[in-house]
PDB file of all heavy atoms in Angstrom:
ATOM      1  N   SER A   1      58.673  43.637  55.178  1.00  0.00           N
ATOM      2  CA  SER A   1      57.960  43.547  53.913  1.00  0.00           C
ATOM      3  C   SER A   1      56.826  44.553  53.799  1.00  0.00           C
ATOM      4  O   SER A   1      56.374  44.855  52.691  1.00  0.00           O
ATOM      5  CB  SER A   1      57.393  42.144  53.730  1.00  0.00           C
ATOM      6  OG  SER A   1      56.365  41.896  54.673  1.00  0.00           O
ATOM      7  N   GLY A   2      56.341  45.047  54.932  1.00  0.00           N
ATOM      8  CA  GLY A   2      55.190  45.925  54.951  1.00  0.00           C
ATOM      9  C   GLY A   2      53.866  45.203  54.950  1.00  0.00           C
ATOM     10  O   GLY A   2      52.811  45.841  55.029  1.00  0.00           O
ATOM     11  N   ARG A   3      53.881  43.888  54.887  1.00  0.00           N
ATOM     12  CA  ARG A   3      52.641  43.114  54.772  1.00  0.00           C
ATOM     13  C   ARG A   3      52.037  42.727  56.117  1.00  0.00           C
ATOM     14  O   ARG A   3      50.869  42.348  56.158  1.00  0.00           O
ATOM     15  CB  ARG A   3      52.884  41.849  53.950  1.00  0.00           C
ATOM     16  CG  ARG A   3      53.239  42.130  52.493  1.00  0.00           C
ATOM     17  CD  ARG A   3      53.195  40.861  51.659  1.00  0.00           C
ATOM     18  NE  ARG A   3      54.193  39.886  52.070  1.00  0.00           N
ATOM     19  CZ  ARG A   3      55.417  39.792  51.560  1.00  0.00           C
ATOM     20  NH1 ARG A   3      55.806  40.649  50.616  1.00  0.00           N
ATOM     21  NH2 ARG A   3      56.254  38.869  51.993  1.00  0.00           N
ATOM     22  N   ILE A   4      52.808  42.824  57.196  1.00  0.00           N
ATOM     23  CA  ILE A   4      52.331  42.426  58.516  1.00  0.00           C
ATOM     24  C   ILE A   4      52.471  43.602  59.466  1.00  0.00           C
ATOM     25  O   ILE A   4      53.544  44.199  59.565  1.00  0.00           O
ATOM     26  CB  ILE A   4      53.106  41.215  59.052  1.00  0.00           C
ATOM     27  CG1 ILE A   4      52.992  40.036  58.079  1.00  0.00           C
ATOM     28  CG2 ILE A   4      52.589  40.814  60.429  1.00  0.00           C
ATOM     29  CD1 ILE A   4      53.869  38.858  58.441  1.00  0.00           C
ATOM     30  N   THR A   5      51.386  43.919  60.165  1.00  0.00           N
ATOM     31  CA  THR A   5      51.388  45.035  61.107  1.00  0.00           C
ATOM     32  C   THR A   5      50.844  44.600  62.457  1.00  0.00           C
ATOM     33  O   THR A   5      50.119  43.613  62.568  1.00  0.00           O
ATOM     34  CB  THR A   5      50.556  46.212  60.576  1.00  0.00           C
ATOM     35  OG1 THR A   5      49.212  45.771  60.336  1.00  0.00           O
ATOM     36  CG2 THR A   5      51.141  46.749  59.277  1.00  0.00           C
ATOM     37  N   TYR A   6      51.185  45.380  63.490  1.00  0.00           N
ATOM     38  CA  TYR A   6      50.737  45.133  64.851  1.00  0.00           C
ATOM     39  C   TYR A   6      50.346  46.465  65.472  1.00  0.00           C
ATOM     40  O   TYR A   6      50.956  47.499  65.191  1.00  0.00           O
ATOM     41  CB  TYR A   6      51.841  44.492  65.699  1.00  0.00           C
ATOM     42  CG  TYR A   6      52.479  43.278  65.086  1.00  0.00           C
ATOM     43  CD1 TYR A   6      53.576  43.401  64.243  1.00  0.00           C
ATOM     44  CD2 TYR A   6      51.991  42.002  65.360  1.00  0.00           C
ATOM     45  CE1 TYR A   6      54.170  42.285  63.681  1.00  0.00           C
ATOM     46  CE2 TYR A   6      52.575  40.880  64.801  1.00  0.00           C
ATOM     47  CZ  TYR A   6      53.666  41.028  63.965  1.00  0.00           C
ATOM     48  OH  TYR A   6      54.257  39.910  63.413  1.00  0.00           O
ATOM     49  N   TYR A   7      49.324  46.440  66.342  1.00  0.00           N
ATOM     50  CA  TYR A   7      48.852  47.657  66.981  1.00  0.00           C
ATOM     51  C   TYR A   7      48.536  47.418  68.444  1.00  0.00           C
ATOM     52  O   TYR A   7      48.074  46.341  68.829  1.00  0.00           O
ATOM     53  CB  TYR A   7      47.588  48.179  66.299  1.00  0.00           C
ATOM     54  CG  TYR A   7      47.792  48.602  64.868  1.00  0.00           C
ATOM     55  CD1 TYR A   7      47.527  47.728  63.823  1.00  0.00           C
ATOM     56  CD2 TYR A   7      48.249  49.880  64.563  1.00  0.00           C
ATOM     57  CE1 TYR A   7      47.719  48.105  62.505  1.00  0.00           C
ATOM     58  CE2 TYR A   7      48.440  50.268  63.244  1.00  0.00           C
ATOM     59  CZ  TYR A   7      48.176  49.384  62.223  1.00  0.00           C
ATOM     60  OH  TYR A   7      48.365  49.768  60.914  1.00  0.00           O
ATOM     61  N   ALA A   8      48.772  48.438  69.247  1.00  0.00           N
ATOM     62  CA  ALA A   8      48.278  48.421  70.612  1.00  0.00           C
ATOM     63  C   ALA A   8      46.755  48.483  70.596  1.00  0.00           C
ATOM     64  O   ALA A   8      46.156  49.113  69.718  1.00  0.00           O
ATOM     65  CB  ALA A   8      48.843  49.601  71.400  1.00  0.00           C
ATOM     66  N   ASP A   9      46.134  47.841  71.576  1.00  0.00           N
ATOM     67  CA  ASP A   9      44.673  47.850  71.637  1.00  0.00           C
ATOM     68  C   ASP A   9      44.116  49.273  71.690  1.00  0.00           C
ATOM     69  O   ASP A   9      43.049  49.553  71.132  1.00  0.00           O
ATOM     70  CB  ASP A   9      44.191  47.068  72.856  1.00  0.00           C
ATOM     71  CG  ASP A   9      44.425  45.575  72.735  1.00  0.00           C
ATOM     72  OD1 ASP A   9      44.649  45.085  71.618  1.00  0.00           O
ATOM     73  OD2 ASP A   9      44.374  44.888  73.772  1.00  0.00           O
ATOM     74  N   SER A  10      44.837  50.172  72.330  1.00  0.00           N
ATOM     75  CA  SER A  10      44.359  51.527  72.529  1.00  0.00           C
ATOM     76  C   SER A  10      44.284  52.345  71.240  1.00  0.00           C
ATOM     77  O   SER A  10      43.586  53.360  71.197  1.00  0.00           O
ATOM     78  CB  SER A  10      45.240  52.260  73.544  1.00  0.00           C
ATOM     79  OG  SER A  10      46.586  52.311  73.100  1.00  0.00           O
ATOM     80  N   VAL A  11      44.997  51.919  70.197  1.00  0.00           N
ATOM     81  CA  VAL A  11      45.007  52.670  68.942  1.00  0.00           C
ATOM     82  C   VAL A  11      44.406  51.888  67.784  1.00  0.00           C
ATOM     83  O   VAL A  11      44.279  52.434  66.677  1.00  0.00           O
ATOM     84  CB  VAL A  11      46.423  53.141  68.572  1.00  0.00           C
ATOM     85  CG1 VAL A  11      47.047  53.913  69.728  1.00  0.00           C
ATOM     86  CG2 VAL A  11      47.307  51.957  68.165  1.00  0.00           C
ATOM     87  N   MET A  12      44.036  50.655  68.018  1.00  0.00           N
ATOM     88  CA  MET A  12      43.477  49.810  66.963  1.00  0.00           C
ATOM     89  C   MET A  12      42.267  50.481  66.326  1.00  0.00           C
ATOM     90  O   MET A  12      41.357  50.944  67.006  1.00  0.00           O
ATOM     91  CB  MET A  12      43.089  48.451  67.539  1.00  0.00           C
ATOM     92  CG  MET A  12      42.599  47.447  66.503  1.00  0.00           C
ATOM     93  SD  MET A  12      43.956  46.788  65.500  1.00  0.00           S
ATOM     94  CE  MET A  12      44.803  45.780  66.728  1.00  0.00           C
ATOM     95  N   GLY A  13      42.265  50.532  65.001  1.00  0.00           N
ATOM     96  CA  GLY A  13      41.166  51.128  64.270  1.00  0.00           C
ATOM     97  C   GLY A  13      41.289  52.616  64.066  1.00  0.00           C
ATOM     98  O   GLY A  13      40.536  53.192  63.270  1.00  0.00           O
ATOM     99  N   ARG A  14      42.220  53.262  64.772  1.00  0.00           N
ATOM    100  CA  ARG A  14      42.417  54.706  64.636  1.00  0.00           C
ATOM    101  C   ARG A  14      43.754  55.054  63.983  1.00  0.00           C
ATOM    102  O   ARG A  14      43.852  56.044  63.256  1.00  0.00           O
ATOM    103  CB  ARG A  14      42.335  55.389  66.000  1.00  0.00           C
ATOM    104  CG  ARG A  14      40.988  55.219  66.696  1.00  0.00           C
ATOM    105  CD  ARG A  14      40.905  56.069  67.956  1.00  0.00           C
ATOM    106  NE  ARG A  14      41.907  55.680  68.948  1.00  0.00           N
ATOM    107  CZ  ARG A  14      42.868  56.487  69.408  1.00  0.00           C
ATOM    108  NH1 ARG A  14      42.966  57.735  68.975  1.00  0.00           N
ATOM    109  NH2 ARG A  14      43.731  56.045  70.322  1.00  0.00           N
ATOM    110  N   PHE A  15      44.776  54.261  64.263  1.00  0.00           N
ATOM    111  CA  PHE A  15      46.115  54.503  63.732  1.00  0.00           C
ATOM    112  C   PHE A  15      46.439  53.480  62.647  1.00  0.00           C
ATOM    113  O   PHE A  15      45.996  52.333  62.706  1.00  0.00           O
ATOM    114  CB  PHE A  15      47.172  54.386  64.827  1.00  0.00           C
ATOM    115  CG  PHE A  15      47.151  55.477  65.860  1.00  0.00           C
ATOM    116  CD1 PHE A  15      46.106  56.385  65.951  1.00  0.00           C
ATOM    117  CD2 PHE A  15      48.201  55.588  66.764  1.00  0.00           C
ATOM    118  CE1 PHE A  15      46.091  57.379  66.910  1.00  0.00           C
ATOM    119  CE2 PHE A  15      48.204  56.579  67.725  1.00  0.00           C
ATOM    120  CZ  PHE A  15      47.147  57.476  67.803  1.00  0.00           C
ATOM    121  N   THR A  16      47.248  53.892  61.680  1.00  0.00           N
ATOM    122  CA  THR A  16      47.706  53.007  60.627  1.00  0.00           C
ATOM    123  C   THR A  16      49.199  53.207  60.409  1.00  0.00           C
ATOM    124  O   THR A  16      49.648  54.329  60.165  1.00  0.00           O
ATOM    125  CB  THR A  16      46.968  53.259  59.306  1.00  0.00           C
ATOM    126  OG1 THR A  16      45.553  53.093  59.496  1.00  0.00           O
ATOM    127  CG2 THR A  16      47.441  52.274  58.236  1.00  0.00           C
ATOM    128  N   ILE A  17      49.964  52.124  60.502  1.00  0.00           N
ATOM    129  CA  ILE A  17      51.383  52.180  60.216  1.00  0.00           C
ATOM    130  C   ILE A  17      51.620  51.683  58.793  1.00  0.00           C
ATOM    131  O   ILE A  17      50.970  50.740  58.337  1.00  0.00           O
ATOM    132  CB  ILE A  17      52.203  51.357  61.237  1.00  0.00           C
ATOM    133  CG1 ILE A  17      53.707  51.583  61.034  1.00  0.00           C
ATOM    134  CG2 ILE A  17      51.863  49.875  61.164  1.00  0.00           C
ATOM    135  CD1 ILE A  17      54.565  50.987  62.144  1.00  0.00           C
ATOM    136  N   SER A  18      52.532  52.330  58.089  1.00  0.00           N
ATOM    137  CA  SER A  18      52.874  51.931  56.732  1.00  0.00           C
ATOM    138  C   SER A  18      54.332  52.283  56.468  1.00  0.00           C
ATOM    139  O   SER A  18      54.972  52.973  57.265  1.00  0.00           O
ATOM    140  CB  SER A  18      51.952  52.611  55.709  1.00  0.00           C
ATOM    141  OG  SER A  18      52.094  54.019  55.758  1.00  0.00           O
ATOM    142  N   ARG A  19      54.848  51.803  55.350  1.00  0.00           N
ATOM    143  CA  ARG A  19      56.235  52.112  55.017  1.00  0.00           C
ATOM    144  C   ARG A  19      56.403  52.204  53.516  1.00  0.00           C
ATOM    145  O   ARG A  19      55.670  51.591  52.742  1.00  0.00           O
ATOM    146  CB  ARG A  19      57.190  51.064  55.597  1.00  0.00           C
ATOM    147  CG  ARG A  19      57.053  49.672  55.004  1.00  0.00           C
ATOM    148  CD  ARG A  19      57.851  48.656  55.828  1.00  0.00           C
ATOM    149  NE  ARG A  19      59.280  48.924  55.786  1.00  0.00           N
ATOM    150  CZ  ARG A  19      60.158  48.480  56.694  1.00  0.00           C
ATOM    151  NH1 ARG A  19      59.728  47.766  57.734  1.00  0.00           N
ATOM    152  NH2 ARG A  19      61.452  48.764  56.568  1.00  0.00           N
ATOM    153  N   ASP A  20      57.392  52.983  53.114  1.00  0.00           N
ATOM    154  CA  ASP A  20      57.781  53.109  51.725  1.00  0.00           C
ATOM    155  C   ASP A  20      59.271  52.811  51.683  1.00  0.00           C
ATOM    156  O   ASP A  20      60.097  53.673  51.974  1.00  0.00           O
ATOM    157  CB  ASP A  20      57.479  54.507  51.189  1.00  0.00           C
ATOM    158  CG  ASP A  20      57.750  54.634  49.702  1.00  0.00           C
ATOM    159  OD1 ASP A  20      58.503  53.814  49.149  1.00  0.00           O
ATOM    160  OD2 ASP A  20      57.204  55.575  49.090  1.00  0.00           O
ATOM    161  N   ASN A  21      59.602  51.582  51.345  1.00  0.00           N
ATOM    162  CA  ASN A  21      61.002  51.171  51.383  1.00  0.00           C
ATOM    163  C   ASN A  21      61.856  51.906  50.352  1.00  0.00           C
ATOM    164  O   ASN A  21      63.058  52.070  50.541  1.00  0.00           O
ATOM    165  CB  ASN A  21      61.109  49.659  51.192  1.00  0.00           C
ATOM    166  CG  ASN A  21      60.661  48.891  52.418  1.00  0.00           C
ATOM    167  OD1 ASN A  21      60.557  49.445  53.509  1.00  0.00           O
ATOM    168  ND2 ASN A  21      60.403  47.605  52.253  1.00  0.00           N
ATOM    169  N   ALA A  22      61.249  52.329  49.253  1.00  0.00           N
ATOM    170  CA  ALA A  22      61.983  53.092  48.251  1.00  0.00           C
ATOM    171  C   ALA A  22      62.430  54.439  48.796  1.00  0.00           C
ATOM    172  O   ALA A  22      63.433  54.994  48.339  1.00  0.00           O
ATOM    173  CB  ALA A  22      61.140  53.281  46.998  1.00  0.00           C
ATOM    174  N   LYS A  23      61.695  54.970  49.771  1.00  0.00           N
ATOM    175  CA  LYS A  23      62.025  56.254  50.379  1.00  0.00           C
ATOM    176  C   LYS A  23      62.655  56.109  51.756  1.00  0.00           C
ATOM    177  O   LYS A  23      62.908  57.111  52.426  1.00  0.00           O
ATOM    178  CB  LYS A  23      60.776  57.128  50.485  1.00  0.00           C
ATOM    179  CG  LYS A  23      60.174  57.516  49.148  1.00  0.00           C
ATOM    180  CD  LYS A  23      58.961  58.410  49.338  1.00  0.00           C
ATOM    181  CE  LYS A  23      58.387  58.840  48.007  1.00  0.00           C
ATOM    182  NZ  LYS A  23      57.192  59.716  48.171  1.00  0.00           N
ATOM    183  N   ASN A  24      62.888  54.883  52.192  1.00  0.00           N
ATOM    184  CA  ASN A  24      63.464  54.622  53.517  1.00  0.00           C
ATOM    185  C   ASN A  24      62.679  55.331  54.617  1.00  0.00           C
ATOM    186  O   ASN A  24      63.252  55.954  55.519  1.00  0.00           O
ATOM    187  CB  ASN A  24      64.925  55.063  53.567  1.00  0.00           C
ATOM    188  CG  ASN A  24      65.834  54.184  52.730  1.00  0.00           C
ATOM    189  OD1 ASN A  24      65.406  53.204  52.132  1.00  0.00           O
ATOM    190  ND2 ASN A  24      67.114  54.542  52.694  1.00  0.00           N
ATOM    191  N   THR A  25      61.366  55.225  54.549  1.00  0.00           N
ATOM    192  CA  THR A  25      60.500  55.970  55.451  1.00  0.00           C
ATOM    193  C   THR A  25      59.364  55.099  55.972  1.00  0.00           C
ATOM    194  O   THR A  25      58.781  54.316  55.216  1.00  0.00           O
ATOM    195  CB  THR A  25      59.917  57.205  54.748  1.00  0.00           C
ATOM    196  OG1 THR A  25      60.990  58.033  54.281  1.00  0.00           O
ATOM    197  CG2 THR A  25      59.049  58.017  55.696  1.00  0.00           C
ATOM    198  N   VAL A  26      59.052  55.263  57.255  1.00  0.00           N
ATOM    199  CA  VAL A  26      57.890  54.631  57.860  1.00  0.00           C
ATOM    200  C   VAL A  26      56.951  55.732  58.330  1.00  0.00           C
ATOM    201  O   VAL A  26      57.408  56.806  58.744  1.00  0.00           O
ATOM    202  CB  VAL A  26      58.296  53.688  59.013  1.00  0.00           C
ATOM    203  CG1 VAL A  26      58.960  54.460  60.144  1.00  0.00           C
ATOM    204  CG2 VAL A  26      57.091  52.904  59.517  1.00  0.00           C
ATOM    205  N   TYR A  27      55.647  55.477  58.271  1.00  0.00           N
ATOM    206  CA  TYR A  27      54.644  56.469  58.603  1.00  0.00           C
ATOM    207  C   TYR A  27      53.716  55.961  59.697  1.00  0.00           C
ATOM    208  O   TYR A  27      53.517  54.758  59.865  1.00  0.00           O
ATOM    209  CB  TYR A  27      53.792  56.813  57.377  1.00  0.00           C
ATOM    210  CG  TYR A  27      54.582  57.256  56.176  1.00  0.00           C
ATOM    211  CD1 TYR A  27      54.948  56.350  55.191  1.00  0.00           C
ATOM    212  CD2 TYR A  27      54.967  58.586  56.026  1.00  0.00           C
ATOM    213  CE1 TYR A  27      55.672  56.751  54.083  1.00  0.00           C
ATOM    214  CE2 TYR A  27      55.690  58.998  54.925  1.00  0.00           C
ATOM    215  CZ  TYR A  27      56.042  58.075  53.951  1.00  0.00           C
ATOM    216  OH  TYR A  27      56.759  58.485  52.857  1.00  0.00           O
ATOM    217  N   LEU A  28      53.135  56.891  60.421  1.00  0.00           N
ATOM    218  CA  LEU A  28      52.071  56.577  61.359  1.00  0.00           C
ATOM    219  C   LEU A  28      50.944  57.572  61.135  1.00  0.00           C
ATOM    220  O   LEU A  28      51.067  58.743  61.506  1.00  0.00           O
ATOM    221  CB  LEU A  28      52.555  56.632  62.805  1.00  0.00           C
ATOM    222  CG  LEU A  28      51.527  56.204  63.852  1.00  0.00           C
ATOM    223  CD1 LEU A  28      51.229  54.708  63.730  1.00  0.00           C
ATOM    224  CD2 LEU A  28      52.013  56.528  65.260  1.00  0.00           C
ATOM    225  N   GLN A  29      49.880  57.118  60.507  1.00  0.00           N
ATOM    226  CA  GLN A  29      48.696  57.940  60.310  1.00  0.00           C
ATOM    227  C   GLN A  29      47.819  57.814  61.547  1.00  0.00           C
ATOM    228  O   GLN A  29      47.402  56.711  61.902  1.00  0.00           O
ATOM    229  CB  GLN A  29      47.927  57.494  59.071  1.00  0.00           C
ATOM    230  CG  GLN A  29      46.648  58.276  58.814  1.00  0.00           C
ATOM    231  CD  GLN A  29      46.908  59.713  58.451  1.00  0.00           C
ATOM    232  OE1 GLN A  29      47.768  59.995  57.619  1.00  0.00           O
ATOM    233  NE2 GLN A  29      46.189  60.630  59.086  1.00  0.00           N
TER     234      GLN A  29
END
């Protein structure tokens, strides 16, 4: 759904995962 995310402690607060289901793509900022 894109509404729930999980992060490793080492990247928490620095990395952001997101997705665009219309484009069949997931991102990692």
